[in-house]
Amino acid sequence: MTDTGAGNLAWLLEGFATSAPGTMGALVTSNDGLPLHLHGFTQEGAERVSAIVSGLASLGRGLDRIPGLDLPSGGSLEQVVIYHGNGRLLVGRAGDQAILAVLTRPDAEMSVIAYQMEQLAARLPQHLGTSVRRPKAG
């Protein structure tokens, strides 16, 4: 399976994987861990990675809420990286309500992957549909 959900983004994720050597899979998941779009993962694999990624992103977002530290409020997740013997997992924002995750081989050039991931993350929000609804003032 290459993609799930409306507005098939397989072409965008596949283009990323082609331009970022060493990429084994890429997916976009909702903040609550629902896989939205994927490339290089089975559905079962995407569901597992999405759950992991959602938890990591939540932990990363929690950094701006540590009592006693003089951190500016409103910080946002930039990137989480897990180094594992079988590969690397990079996690970053893909808009307000989505997360981008990339799984690479251990020998992948991380600086190239991170740069390409940043470029992809900047393009994703325009393809992900509606933005967050905010209450009207007044």
C-alpha atoms as a PDB file:
ATOM      1  CA  MET A   1       0.000   0.000   0.000  1.00  0.00           C
ATOM      2  CA  THR A   2       1.335   3.407  -0.891  1.00  0.00           C
ATOM      3  CA  ASP A   3      -1.120   5.923   0.477  1.00  0.00           C
ATOM      4  CA  THR A   4      -4.273   6.277   2.526  1.00  0.00           C
ATOM      5  CA  GLY A   5      -6.835   9.003   2.906  1.00  0.00           C
ATOM      6  CA  ALA A   6      -8.183  11.621   0.565  1.00  0.00           C
ATOM      7  CA  GLY A   7      -5.882  13.711  -1.569  1.00  0.00           C
ATOM      8  CA  ASN A   8      -3.302  11.061  -2.410  1.00  0.00           C
ATOM      9  CA  LEU A   9       0.163  12.375  -1.501  1.00  0.00           C
ATOM     10  CA  ALA A  10       2.059   9.231  -2.496  1.00  0.00           C
ATOM     11  CA  TRP A  11       3.659  11.144  -5.364  1.00  0.00           C
ATOM     12  CA  LEU A  12       5.063  13.739  -2.956  1.00  0.00           C
ATOM     13  CA  LEU A  13       6.404  11.171  -0.487  1.00  0.00           C
ATOM     14  CA  GLU A  14       7.809   9.037  -3.306  1.00  0.00           C
ATOM     15  CA  GLY A  15       9.548  12.089  -4.759  1.00  0.00           C
ATOM     16  CA  PHE A  16      11.057  12.757  -1.346  1.00  0.00           C
ATOM     17  CA  ALA A  17      12.279   9.161  -0.998  1.00  0.00           C
ATOM     18  CA  THR A  18      13.883   9.338  -4.443  1.00  0.00           C
ATOM     19  CA  SER A  19      15.685  12.615  -3.705  1.00  0.00           C
ATOM     20  CA  ALA A  20      16.837  11.559  -0.216  1.00  0.00           C
ATOM     21  CA  PRO A  21      19.065   8.479  -0.670  1.00  0.00           C
ATOM     22  CA  GLY A  22      18.827   5.939   2.117  1.00  0.00           C
ATOM     23  CA  THR A  23      15.153   6.583   2.825  1.00  0.00           C
ATOM     24  CA  MET A  24      13.244   3.350   3.510  1.00  0.00           C
ATOM     25  CA  GLY A  25       9.857   4.924   4.207  1.00  0.00           C
ATOM     26  CA  ALA A  26       8.072   8.208   4.775  1.00  0.00           C
ATOM     27  CA  LEU A  27       4.676   8.929   6.248  1.00  0.00           C
ATOM     28  CA  VAL A  28       2.431  11.729   7.350  1.00  0.00           C
ATOM     29  CA  THR A  29       0.373  11.025  10.450  1.00  0.00           C
ATOM     30  CA  SER A  30      -2.145  13.001  12.434  1.00  0.00           C
ATOM     31  CA  ASN A  31      -1.074  14.348  15.823  1.00  0.00           C
ATOM     32  CA  ASP A  32      -3.087  11.565  17.454  1.00  0.00           C
ATOM     33  CA  GLY A  33      -1.320   8.803  15.507  1.00  0.00           C
ATOM     34  CA  LEU A  34      -3.605   8.071  12.557  1.00  0.00           C
ATOM     35  CA  PRO A  35      -1.560   7.366   9.402  1.00  0.00           C
ATOM     36  CA  LEU A  36      -2.731   9.749   6.674  1.00  0.00           C
ATOM     37  CA  HIS A  37      -0.301   9.249   3.788  1.00  0.00           C
ATOM     38  CA  LEU A  38       2.547   6.799   3.382  1.00  0.00           C
ATOM     39  CA  HIS A  39       5.251   5.528   1.094  1.00  0.00           C
ATOM     40  CA  GLY A  40       7.401   2.456   1.679  1.00  0.00           C
ATOM     41  CA  PHE A  41       5.369   1.087   4.617  1.00  0.00           C
ATOM     42  CA  THR A  42       2.737  -1.616   4.841  1.00  0.00           C
ATOM     43  CA  GLN A  43      -0.489  -0.502   6.486  1.00  0.00           C
ATOM     44  CA  GLU A  44       0.432  -2.438   9.648  1.00  0.00           C
ATOM     45  CA  GLY A  45       3.915  -0.904   9.698  1.00  0.00           C
ATOM     46  CA  ALA A  46       2.493   2.566   9.135  1.00  0.00           C
ATOM     47  CA  GLU A  47       0.069   2.150  12.030  1.00  0.00           C
ATOM     48  CA  ARG A  48       2.868   1.097  14.380  1.00  0.00           C
ATOM     49  CA  VAL A  49       5.226   3.873  13.278  1.00  0.00           C
ATOM     50  CA  SER A  50       2.404   6.436  13.491  1.00  0.00           C
ATOM     51  CA  ALA A  51       1.714   5.489  17.113  1.00  0.00           C
ATOM     52  CA  ILE A  52       5.418   5.770  17.974  1.00  0.00           C
ATOM     53  CA  VAL A  53       5.769   9.065  16.129  1.00  0.00           C
ATOM     54  CA  SER A  54       2.693  10.556  17.780  1.00  0.00           C
ATOM     55  CA  GLY A  55       4.132   9.778  21.210  1.00  0.00           C
ATOM     56  CA  LEU A  56       7.536  11.213  20.333  1.00  0.00           C
ATOM     57  CA  ALA A  57       5.996  14.399  18.956  1.00  0.00           C
ATOM     58  CA  SER A  58       3.898  14.791  22.079  1.00  0.00           C
ATOM     59  CA  LEU A  59       6.980  14.446  24.266  1.00  0.00           C
ATOM     60  CA  GLY A  60       8.810  16.976  22.086  1.00  0.00           C
ATOM     61  CA  ARG A  61       5.951  19.467  22.351  1.00  0.00           C
ATOM     62  CA  GLY A  62       6.055  19.125  26.128  1.00  0.00           C
ATOM     63  CA  LEU A  63       9.449  20.809  26.350  1.00  0.00           C
ATOM     64  CA  ASP A  64       7.957  24.295  26.478  1.00  0.00           C
ATOM     65  CA  ARG A  65       5.882  23.416  29.544  1.00  0.00           C
ATOM     66  CA  ILE A  66       8.601  22.530  32.046  1.00  0.00           C
ATOM     67  CA  PRO A  67       8.032  24.381  35.340  1.00  0.00           C
ATOM     68  CA  GLY A  68      10.992  26.342  36.645  1.00  0.00           C
ATOM     69  CA  LEU A  69      12.759  26.716  33.313  1.00  0.00           C
ATOM     70  CA  ASP A  70      12.840  30.094  31.640  1.00  0.00           C
ATOM     71  CA  LEU A  71      11.689  28.902  28.218  1.00  0.00           C
ATOM     72  CA  PRO A  72       9.623  31.097  25.915  1.00  0.00           C
ATOM     73  CA  SER A  73       6.054  29.876  25.566  1.00  0.00           C
ATOM     74  CA  GLY A  74       4.659  28.739  22.255  1.00  0.00           C
ATOM     75  CA  GLY A  75       7.674  26.721  21.165  1.00  0.00           C
ATOM     76  CA  SER A  76       7.023  24.029  18.608  1.00  0.00           C
ATOM     77  CA  LEU A  77       8.510  20.679  17.773  1.00  0.00           C
ATOM     78  CA  GLU A  78      11.327  21.030  15.275  1.00  0.00           C
ATOM     79  CA  GLN A  79      12.754  17.525  15.027  1.00  0.00           C
ATOM     80  CA  VAL A  80      13.202  14.311  16.992  1.00  0.00           C
ATOM     81  CA  VAL A  81      15.774  11.755  15.832  1.00  0.00           C
ATOM     82  CA  ILE A  82      16.143   8.179  17.049  1.00  0.00           C
ATOM     83  CA  TYR A  83      19.344   6.357  16.212  1.00  0.00           C
ATOM     84  CA  HIS A  84      18.743   2.604  16.122  1.00  0.00           C
ATOM     85  CA  GLY A  85      21.004  -0.219  14.976  1.00  0.00           C
ATOM     86  CA  ASN A  86      18.656  -0.920  12.063  1.00  0.00           C
ATOM     87  CA  GLY A  87      18.188   2.673  10.950  1.00  0.00           C
ATOM     88  CA  ARG A  88      17.198   6.197  11.901  1.00  0.00           C
ATOM     89  CA  LEU A  89      13.766   7.642  12.561  1.00  0.00           C
ATOM     90  CA  LEU A  90      13.364  11.382  11.986  1.00  0.00           C
ATOM     91  CA  VAL A  91      10.189  13.093  13.186  1.00  0.00           C
ATOM     92  CA  GLY A  92       9.118  16.661  12.460  1.00  0.00           C
ATOM     93  CA  ARG A  93       6.094  18.889  11.994  1.00  0.00           C
ATOM     94  CA  ALA A  94       4.008  18.809   8.841  1.00  0.00           C
ATOM     95  CA  GLY A  95       1.678  21.675   9.649  1.00  0.00           C
ATOM     96  CA  ASP A  96      -0.449  22.342  12.722  1.00  0.00           C
ATOM     97  CA  GLN A  97      -2.206  18.985  12.860  1.00  0.00           C
ATOM     98  CA  ALA A  98       0.211  16.541  11.225  1.00  0.00           C
ATOM     99  CA  ILE A  99       3.615  14.962  11.700  1.00  0.00           C
ATOM    100  CA  LEU A 100       6.160  13.864   9.107  1.00  0.00           C
ATOM    101  CA  ALA A 101       8.227  10.763   9.845  1.00  0.00           C
ATOM    102  CA  VAL A 102      11.084   9.338   7.804  1.00  0.00           C
ATOM    103  CA  LEU A 103      12.795   5.997   8.341  1.00  0.00           C
ATOM    104  CA  THR A 104      16.293   5.662   6.881  1.00  0.00           C
ATOM    105  CA  ARG A 105      19.029   3.079   6.610  1.00  0.00           C
ATOM    106  CA  PRO A 106      21.821   3.407   9.209  1.00  0.00           C
ATOM    107  CA  ASP A 107      24.283   4.627   6.565  1.00  0.00           C
ATOM    108  CA  ALA A 108      22.018   7.347   5.140  1.00  0.00           C
ATOM    109  CA  GLU A 109      23.482  10.845   4.962  1.00  0.00           C
ATOM    110  CA  MET A 110      21.559  12.514   7.773  1.00  0.00           C
ATOM    111  CA  SER A 111      22.271  16.093   6.714  1.00  0.00           C
ATOM    112  CA  VAL A 112      20.800  15.428   3.254  1.00  0.00           C
ATOM    113  CA  ILE A 113      17.782  13.633   4.712  1.00  0.00           C
ATOM    114  CA  ALA A 114      17.153  16.412   7.256  1.00  0.00           C
ATOM    115  CA  TYR A 115      17.396  19.108   4.565  1.00  0.00           C
ATOM    116  CA  GLN A 116      15.068  17.267   2.175  1.00  0.00           C
ATOM    117  CA  MET A 117      12.678  16.587   5.049  1.00  0.00           C
ATOM    118  CA  GLU A 118      12.571  20.281   5.909  1.00  0.00           C
ATOM    119  CA  GLN A 119      11.764  21.097   2.277  1.00  0.00           C
ATOM    120  CA  LEU A 120       9.001  18.488   2.194  1.00  0.00           C
ATOM    121  CA  ALA A 121       7.514  19.645   5.510  1.00  0.00           C
ATOM    122  CA  ALA A 122       7.229  23.177   4.119  1.00  0.00           C
ATOM    123  CA  ARG A 123       5.216  21.880   1.144  1.00  0.00           C
ATOM    124  CA  LEU A 124       2.903  19.489   2.985  1.00  0.00           C
ATOM    125  CA  PRO A 125       0.453  21.861   4.738  1.00  0.00           C
ATOM    126  CA  GLN A 126      -0.942  23.148   1.439  1.00  0.00           C
ATOM    127  CA  HIS A 127      -1.793  19.548   0.467  1.00  0.00           C
ATOM    128  CA  LEU A 128      -3.222  18.375   3.785  1.00  0.00           C
ATOM    129  CA  GLY A 129      -6.647  19.980   3.556  1.00  0.00           C
ATOM    130  CA  THR A 130      -8.436  22.253   5.936  1.00  0.00           C
ATOM    131  CA  SER A 131      -6.675  24.238   8.601  1.00  0.00           C
ATOM    132  CA  VAL A 132      -7.548  24.258  12.288  1.00  0.00           C
ATOM    133  CA  ARG A 133     -10.778  26.118  13.024  1.00  0.00           C
ATOM    134  CA  ARG A 134     -10.419  28.817  15.628  1.00  0.00           C
ATOM    135  CA  PRO A 135     -13.301  30.458  17.536  1.00  0.00           C
ATOM    136  CA  LYS A 136     -14.278  33.917  16.354  1.00  0.00           C
ATOM    137  CA  ALA A 137     -13.310  36.742  18.670  1.00  0.00           C
ATOM    138  CA  GLY A 138     -16.092  38.763  20.255  1.00  0.00           C
END
